[in-house]
PDB file of N, CA and C in Angstrom:
ATOM      1  N   MET A   1     -26.913 -19.177 -17.979  1.00  0.00           N
ATOM      2  CA  MET A   1     -25.629 -19.298 -17.286  1.00  0.00           C
ATOM      3  C   MET A   1     -25.361 -18.162 -16.345  1.00  0.00           C
ATOM      4  N   LYS A   2     -24.922 -18.276 -15.160  1.00  0.00           N
ATOM      5  CA  LYS A   2     -24.864 -17.402 -14.293  1.00  0.00           C
ATOM      6  C   LYS A   2     -23.381 -16.663 -14.417  1.00  0.00           C
ATOM      7  N   GLN A   3     -23.482 -15.415 -14.491  1.00  0.00           N
ATOM      8  CA  GLN A   3     -22.173 -14.601 -14.569  1.00  0.00           C
ATOM      9  C   GLN A   3     -21.973 -13.882 -13.204  1.00  0.00           C
ATOM     10  N   ARG A   4     -20.650 -13.798 -12.878  1.00  0.00           N
ATOM     11  CA  ARG A   4     -20.093 -13.190 -11.597  1.00  0.00           C
ATOM     12  C   ARG A   4     -18.992 -12.321 -11.898  1.00  0.00           C
ATOM     13  N   MET A   5     -18.868 -11.416 -11.341  1.00  0.00           N
ATOM     14  CA  MET A   5     -17.638 -10.452 -11.221  1.00  0.00           C
ATOM     15  C   MET A   5     -16.823 -10.585  -9.896  1.00  0.00           C
ATOM     16  N   TYR A   6     -15.598 -10.486 -10.083  1.00  0.00           N
ATOM     17  CA  TYR A   6     -14.734 -10.784  -8.919  1.00  0.00           C
ATOM     18  C   TYR A   6     -14.409  -9.016  -8.607  1.00  0.00           C
ATOM     19  N   LEU A   7     -14.721  -8.692  -7.463  1.00  0.00           N
ATOM     20  CA  LEU A   7     -14.623  -7.389  -6.860  1.00  0.00           C
ATOM     21  C   LEU A   7     -13.441  -7.080  -6.043  1.00  0.00           C
ATOM     22  N   GLY A   8     -12.557  -7.969  -6.006  1.00  0.00           N
ATOM     23  CA  GLY A   8     -11.353  -8.097  -4.967  1.00  0.00           C
ATOM     24  C   GLY A   8     -10.009  -7.546  -5.768  1.00  0.00           C
ATOM     25  N   PRO A   9      -8.995  -7.633  -4.901  1.00  0.00           N
ATOM     26  CA  PRO A   9      -7.745  -7.252  -5.432  1.00  0.00           C
ATOM     27  C   PRO A   9      -7.189  -8.251  -6.509  1.00  0.00           C
ATOM     28  N   THR A  10      -6.400  -8.024  -7.448  1.00  0.00           N
ATOM     29  CA  THR A  10      -5.739  -9.033  -8.390  1.00  0.00           C
ATOM     30  C   THR A  10      -5.076  -9.925  -7.586  1.00  0.00           C
ATOM     31  N   VAL A  11      -5.230 -11.127  -7.676  1.00  0.00           N
ATOM     32  CA  VAL A  11      -4.478 -12.299  -7.022  1.00  0.00           C
ATOM     33  C   VAL A  11      -3.610 -13.012  -8.208  1.00  0.00           C
ATOM     34  N   PRO A  12      -2.325 -12.688  -8.314  1.00  0.00           N
ATOM     35  CA  PRO A  12      -1.552 -13.258  -9.486  1.00  0.00           C
ATOM     36  C   PRO A  12      -1.769 -14.654  -9.474  1.00  0.00           C
ATOM     37  N   GLY A  13      -1.947 -15.092 -10.973  1.00  0.00           N
ATOM     38  CA  GLY A  13      -1.845 -16.434 -11.277  1.00  0.00           C
ATOM     39  C   GLY A  13      -3.359 -17.195 -11.003  1.00  0.00           C
ATOM     40  N   ILE A  14      -4.344 -16.282 -10.425  1.00  0.00           N
ATOM     41  CA  ILE A  14      -5.629 -16.756 -10.136  1.00  0.00           C
ATOM     42  C   ILE A  14      -6.684 -15.821 -10.663  1.00  0.00           C
ATOM     43  N   VAL A  15      -6.756 -14.575 -10.199  1.00  0.00           N
ATOM     44  CA  VAL A  15      -7.813 -13.785 -10.842  1.00  0.00           C
ATOM     45  C   VAL A  15      -7.437 -12.387 -10.877  1.00  0.00           C
ATOM     46  N   LYS A  16      -8.093 -11.653 -11.861  1.00  0.00           N
ATOM     47  CA  LYS A  16      -7.762 -10.078 -11.871  1.00  0.00           C
ATOM     48  C   LYS A  16      -8.963  -9.270 -11.507  1.00  0.00           C
ATOM     49  N   GLU A  17      -8.576  -8.239 -10.843  1.00  0.00           N
ATOM     50  CA  GLU A  17      -9.651  -7.248 -10.470  1.00  0.00           C
ATOM     51  C   GLU A  17     -10.621  -7.070 -11.520  1.00  0.00           C
ATOM     52  N   ASN A  18     -11.978  -7.099 -11.137  1.00  0.00           N
ATOM     53  CA  ASN A  18     -13.082  -6.859 -12.061  1.00  0.00           C
ATOM     54  C   ASN A  18     -13.054  -8.008 -13.311  1.00  0.00           C
ATOM     55  N   GLU A  19     -12.717  -9.027 -12.903  1.00  0.00           N
ATOM     56  CA  GLU A  19     -12.707 -10.066 -13.913  1.00  0.00           C
ATOM     57  C   GLU A  19     -14.161 -10.543 -13.934  1.00  0.00           C
ATOM     58  N   ILE A  20     -14.614 -10.878 -15.100  1.00  0.00           N
ATOM     59  CA  ILE A  20     -16.128 -11.497 -15.139  1.00  0.00           C
ATOM     60  C   ILE A  20     -15.886 -13.074 -15.491  1.00  0.00           C
ATOM     61  N   PHE A  21     -16.913 -13.869 -14.862  1.00  0.00           N
ATOM     62  CA  PHE A  21     -16.793 -15.322 -15.252  1.00  0.00           C
ATOM     63  C   PHE A  21     -18.180 -15.677 -15.539  1.00  0.00           C
ATOM     64  N   LYS A  22     -18.387 -16.477 -16.422  1.00  0.00           N
ATOM     65  CA  LYS A  22     -19.538 -17.101 -16.893  1.00  0.00           C
ATOM     66  C   LYS A  22     -19.506 -18.617 -16.471  1.00  0.00           C
ATOM     67  N   GLY A  23     -20.472 -19.002 -15.960  1.00  0.00           N
ATOM     68  CA  GLY A  23     -20.592 -20.397 -15.277  1.00  0.00           C
ATOM     69  C   GLY A  23     -19.731 -20.655 -14.076  1.00  0.00           C
ATOM     70  N   GLU A  24     -18.892 -21.745 -14.100  1.00  0.00           N
ATOM     71  CA  GLU A  24     -18.171 -22.082 -12.933  1.00  0.00           C
ATOM     72  C   GLU A  24     -16.858 -21.290 -13.199  1.00  0.00           C
ATOM     73  N   LEU A  25     -16.301 -21.187 -11.927  1.00  0.00           N
ATOM     74  CA  LEU A  25     -14.924 -20.561 -11.729  1.00  0.00           C
ATOM     75  C   LEU A  25     -13.956 -21.443 -12.199  1.00  0.00           C
ATOM     76  N   PRO A  26     -12.703 -20.840 -12.704  1.00  0.00           N
ATOM     77  CA  PRO A  26     -11.606 -21.673 -13.212  1.00  0.00           C
ATOM     78  C   PRO A  26     -11.247 -22.547 -11.807  1.00  0.00           C
ATOM     79  N   GLU A  27     -10.494 -23.594 -11.958  1.00  0.00           N
ATOM     80  CA  GLU A  27     -10.107 -24.533 -10.874  1.00  0.00           C
ATOM     81  C   GLU A  27      -9.216 -23.730  -9.788  1.00  0.00           C
ATOM     82  N   ARG A  28      -8.172 -23.244 -10.202  1.00  0.00           N
ATOM     83  CA  ARG A  28      -7.635 -22.311  -9.106  1.00  0.00           C
ATOM     84  C   ARG A  28      -8.278 -21.246  -8.399  1.00  0.00           C
ATOM     85  N   ALA A  29      -9.089 -20.604  -9.087  1.00  0.00           N
ATOM     86  CA  ALA A  29     -10.051 -19.596  -8.273  1.00  0.00           C
ATOM     87  C   ALA A  29     -10.998 -20.466  -7.305  1.00  0.00           C
ATOM     88  N   GLU A  30     -11.488 -21.660  -7.742  1.00  0.00           N
ATOM     89  CA  GLU A  30     -12.378 -22.437  -7.117  1.00  0.00           C
ATOM     90  C   GLU A  30     -11.829 -22.859  -5.982  1.00  0.00           C
ATOM     91  N   GLU A  31     -10.583 -23.336  -5.779  1.00  0.00           N
ATOM     92  CA  GLU A  31      -9.790 -24.051  -4.913  1.00  0.00           C
ATOM     93  C   GLU A  31      -9.593 -23.047  -3.752  1.00  0.00           C
ATOM     94  N   ARG A  32      -9.324 -21.572  -4.215  1.00  0.00           N
ATOM     95  CA  ARG A  32      -9.048 -20.646  -3.138  1.00  0.00           C
ATOM     96  C   ARG A  32     -10.305 -20.191  -2.571  1.00  0.00           C
ATOM     97  N   ALA A  33     -11.373 -20.113  -3.333  1.00  0.00           N
ATOM     98  CA  ALA A  33     -12.578 -19.786  -2.723  1.00  0.00           C
ATOM     99  C   ALA A  33     -13.077 -20.789  -1.660  1.00  0.00           C
ATOM    100  N   ARG A  34     -12.738 -22.050  -1.902  1.00  0.00           N
ATOM    101  CA  ARG A  34     -12.997 -23.004  -0.716  1.00  0.00           C
ATOM    102  C   ARG A  34     -12.288 -22.998   0.412  1.00  0.00           C
ATOM    103  N   ALA A  35     -11.108 -22.429   0.208  1.00  0.00           N
ATOM    104  CA  ALA A  35     -10.021 -22.236   1.254  1.00  0.00           C
ATOM    105  C   ALA A  35     -10.196 -20.908   2.086  1.00  0.00           C
ATOM    106  N   ASP A  36     -10.723 -19.833   1.554  1.00  0.00           N
ATOM    107  CA  ASP A  36     -10.865 -18.623   1.943  1.00  0.00           C
ATOM    108  C   ASP A  36     -12.188 -18.056   1.886  1.00  0.00           C
ATOM    109  N   LYS A  37     -12.970 -18.032   2.791  1.00  0.00           N
ATOM    110  CA  LYS A  37     -14.274 -17.316   2.754  1.00  0.00           C
ATOM    111  C   LYS A  37     -14.074 -15.975   2.429  1.00  0.00           C
ATOM    112  N   HIS A  38     -13.105 -15.131   2.676  1.00  0.00           N
ATOM    113  CA  HIS A  38     -13.196 -13.645   2.269  1.00  0.00           C
ATOM    114  C   HIS A  38     -13.027 -13.423   0.790  1.00  0.00           C
ATOM    115  N   PHE A  39     -12.113 -14.253   0.197  1.00  0.00           N
ATOM    116  CA  PHE A  39     -11.927 -14.494  -1.368  1.00  0.00           C
ATOM    117  C   PHE A  39     -13.357 -14.763  -1.884  1.00  0.00           C
ATOM    118  N   ALA A  40     -13.813 -15.728  -1.393  1.00  0.00           N
ATOM    119  CA  ALA A  40     -15.286 -16.225  -1.983  1.00  0.00           C
ATOM    120  C   ALA A  40     -16.344 -15.339  -2.044  1.00  0.00           C
ATOM    121  N   ARG A  41     -16.384 -14.415  -1.044  1.00  0.00           N
ATOM    122  CA  ARG A  41     -17.459 -13.338  -0.990  1.00  0.00           C
ATOM    123  C   ARG A  41     -17.008 -12.481  -1.936  1.00  0.00           C
ATOM    124  N   LEU A  42     -15.927 -12.143  -2.553  1.00  0.00           N
ATOM    125  CA  LEU A  42     -15.799 -11.196  -3.681  1.00  0.00           C
ATOM    126  C   LEU A  42     -16.053 -11.464  -4.985  1.00  0.00           C
ATOM    127  N   PHE A  43     -16.887 -12.851  -5.216  1.00  0.00           N
ATOM    128  CA  PHE A  43     -17.349 -12.992  -6.359  1.00  0.00           C
ATOM    129  C   PHE A  43     -18.913 -12.667  -6.226  1.00  0.00           C
ATOM    130  N   VAL A  44     -19.290 -11.710  -7.004  1.00  0.00           N
ATOM    131  CA  VAL A  44     -20.865 -11.228  -6.994  1.00  0.00           C
ATOM    132  C   VAL A  44     -21.395 -11.333  -8.277  1.00  0.00           C
ATOM    133  N   PRO A  45     -22.782 -11.660  -8.086  1.00  0.00           N
ATOM    134  CA  PRO A  45     -23.425 -11.950  -9.311  1.00  0.00           C
ATOM    135  C   PRO A  45     -23.593 -10.640 -10.053  1.00  0.00           C
ATOM    136  N   MET A  46     -23.729 -10.595 -11.334  1.00  0.00           N
ATOM    137  CA  MET A  46     -23.673  -9.321 -12.181  1.00  0.00           C
ATOM    138  C   MET A  46     -24.785  -8.380 -11.920  1.00  0.00           C
ATOM    139  N   ASP A  47     -25.875  -8.997 -11.506  1.00  0.00           N
ATOM    140  CA  ASP A  47     -27.099  -8.084 -11.088  1.00  0.00           C
ATOM    141  C   ASP A  47     -26.833  -7.406  -9.744  1.00  0.00           C
ATOM    142  N   LYS A  48     -26.005  -7.756  -8.987  1.00  0.00           N
ATOM    143  CA  LYS A  48     -25.676  -7.131  -7.677  1.00  0.00           C
ATOM    144  C   LYS A  48     -24.389  -6.432  -7.768  1.00  0.00           C
ATOM    145  N   VAL A  49     -23.821  -6.166  -8.878  1.00  0.00           N
ATOM    146  CA  VAL A  49     -22.383  -5.388  -8.591  1.00  0.00           C
ATOM    147  C   VAL A  49     -22.367  -4.198  -8.368  1.00  0.00           C
ATOM    148  N   MET A  50     -23.289  -3.209  -8.800  1.00  0.00           N
ATOM    149  CA  MET A  50     -23.575  -1.804  -8.543  1.00  0.00           C
ATOM    150  C   MET A  50     -23.763  -1.794  -6.857  1.00  0.00           C
ATOM    151  N   GLU A  51     -24.672  -2.509  -6.466  1.00  0.00           N
ATOM    152  CA  GLU A  51     -24.972  -2.510  -5.009  1.00  0.00           C
ATOM    153  C   GLU A  51     -23.826  -3.035  -4.046  1.00  0.00           C
ATOM    154  N   ALA A  52     -23.036  -4.053  -4.618  1.00  0.00           N
ATOM    155  CA  ALA A  52     -22.053  -4.493  -3.814  1.00  0.00           C
ATOM    156  C   ALA A  52     -20.685  -3.440  -3.933  1.00  0.00           C
ATOM    157  N   ARG A  53     -20.563  -2.614  -5.011  1.00  0.00           N
ATOM    158  CA  ARG A  53     -19.820  -1.588  -4.892  1.00  0.00           C
ATOM    159  C   ARG A  53     -19.946  -0.582  -4.114  1.00  0.00           C
ATOM    160  N   GLN A  54     -21.244  -0.216  -3.971  1.00  0.00           N
ATOM    161  CA  GLN A  54     -21.552   0.834  -2.978  1.00  0.00           C
ATOM    162  C   GLN A  54     -21.388   0.390  -1.592  1.00  0.00           C
ATOM    163  N   GLY A  55     -21.761  -0.989  -1.335  1.00  0.00           N
ATOM    164  CA  GLY A  55     -21.583  -1.440  -0.024  1.00  0.00           C
ATOM    165  C   GLY A  55     -19.949  -1.432   0.604  1.00  0.00           C
ATOM    166  N   MET A  56     -19.154  -1.791  -0.465  1.00  0.00           N
ATOM    167  CA  MET A  56     -17.812  -1.720  -0.352  1.00  0.00           C
ATOM    168  C   MET A  56     -17.316  -0.542   0.253  1.00  0.00           C
ATOM    169  N   GLN A  57     -17.859   0.547  -0.148  1.00  0.00           N
ATOM    170  CA  GLN A  57     -17.608   2.023   0.491  1.00  0.00           C
ATOM    171  C   GLN A  57     -17.595   2.152   1.960  1.00  0.00           C
ATOM    172  N   ALA A  58     -18.629   1.233   2.480  1.00  0.00           N
ATOM    173  CA  ALA A  58     -19.104   1.459   3.942  1.00  0.00           C
ATOM    174  C   ALA A  58     -17.961   0.673   4.734  1.00  0.00           C
ATOM    175  N   GLU A  59     -17.313   1.569   5.621  1.00  0.00           N
ATOM    176  CA  GLU A  59     -16.246   1.188   6.476  1.00  0.00           C
ATOM    177  C   GLU A  59     -16.938  -0.155   7.354  1.00  0.00           C
ATOM    178  N   GLY A  60     -16.256  -1.243   7.512  1.00  0.00           N
ATOM    179  CA  GLY A  60     -16.649  -2.354   8.211  1.00  0.00           C
ATOM    180  C   GLY A  60     -17.948  -3.305   7.582  1.00  0.00           C
ATOM    181  N   SER A  61     -18.192  -2.998   6.321  1.00  0.00           N
ATOM    182  CA  SER A  61     -19.078  -3.847   5.670  1.00  0.00           C
ATOM    183  C   SER A  61     -18.460  -5.131   5.412  1.00  0.00           C
ATOM    184  N   VAL A  62     -19.055  -6.207   5.085  1.00  0.00           N
ATOM    185  CA  VAL A  62     -18.685  -7.538   4.974  1.00  0.00           C
ATOM    186  C   VAL A  62     -17.836  -7.404   3.628  1.00  0.00           C
ATOM    187  N   LEU A  63     -18.044  -6.927   2.532  1.00  0.00           N
ATOM    188  CA  LEU A  63     -17.370  -6.912   1.338  1.00  0.00           C
ATOM    189  C   LEU A  63     -16.029  -6.044   1.665  1.00  0.00           C
ATOM    190  N   SER A  64     -16.160  -4.920   2.379  1.00  0.00           N
ATOM    191  CA  SER A  64     -14.961  -4.048   2.513  1.00  0.00           C
ATOM    192  C   SER A  64     -13.871  -4.911   3.392  1.00  0.00           C
ATOM    193  N   ILE A  65     -14.363  -5.580   4.517  1.00  0.00           N
ATOM    194  CA  ILE A  65     -13.511  -6.497   5.351  1.00  0.00           C
ATOM    195  C   ILE A  65     -12.963  -7.545   4.495  1.00  0.00           C
ATOM    196  N   ALA A  66     -13.865  -8.310   3.693  1.00  0.00           N
ATOM    197  CA  ALA A  66     -13.336  -9.333   2.718  1.00  0.00           C
ATOM    198  C   ALA A  66     -12.181  -8.740   1.870  1.00  0.00           C
ATOM    199  N   TYR A  67     -12.305  -7.482   1.211  1.00  0.00           N
ATOM    200  CA  TYR A  67     -11.360  -7.143   0.438  1.00  0.00           C
ATOM    201  C   TYR A  67     -10.031  -6.978   1.228  1.00  0.00           C
ATOM    202  N   ALA A  68     -10.090  -6.143   2.394  1.00  0.00           N
ATOM    203  CA  ALA A  68      -8.859  -5.807   3.081  1.00  0.00           C
ATOM    204  C   ALA A  68      -8.214  -7.319   3.522  1.00  0.00           C
ATOM    205  N   ASN A  69      -8.966  -8.178   3.751  1.00  0.00           N
ATOM    206  CA  ASN A  69      -8.284  -9.510   4.123  1.00  0.00           C
ATOM    207  C   ASN A  69      -7.543 -10.108   2.983  1.00  0.00           C
ATOM    208  N   VAL A  70      -8.189 -10.297   1.776  1.00  0.00           N
ATOM    209  CA  VAL A  70      -7.557 -10.714   0.719  1.00  0.00           C
ATOM    210  C   VAL A  70      -6.200  -9.876   0.326  1.00  0.00           C
ATOM    211  N   GLU A  71      -6.351  -8.827   0.147  1.00  0.00           N
ATOM    212  CA  GLU A  71      -5.344  -7.847   0.077  1.00  0.00           C
ATOM    213  C   GLU A  71      -4.247  -7.997   1.075  1.00  0.00           C
ATOM    214  N   LYS A  72      -4.577  -8.241   2.407  1.00  0.00           N
ATOM    215  CA  LYS A  72      -3.564  -8.521   3.322  1.00  0.00           C
ATOM    216  C   LYS A  72      -2.811  -9.750   3.000  1.00  0.00           C
ATOM    217  N   SER A  73      -3.542 -10.676   2.463  1.00  0.00           N
ATOM    218  CA  SER A  73      -2.869 -11.929   2.315  1.00  0.00           C
ATOM    219  C   SER A  73      -1.948 -12.322   1.024  1.00  0.00           C
ATOM    220  N   LEU A  74      -1.922 -11.151   0.216  1.00  0.00           N
ATOM    221  CA  LEU A  74      -1.003 -11.131  -0.732  1.00  0.00           C
ATOM    222  C   LEU A  74       0.461 -10.755  -0.656  1.00  0.00           C
TER     223      LEU A  74
END
């Protein structure tokens, strides 16, 4: 069963920062992920979390842009 961690900002009623999911995402998170590519990118496989966290530190990286866009939408 695949595990993913959400590396974005807390989205009230949907997901908390650093929350870990086993298998499928909850319905509300899945719906938002389908509607928002930035939100979807912030769900990272557990074996890639350290690499993703490092990448988020780079200004202009895909994940740092995704984080900023999700944060802006709140």
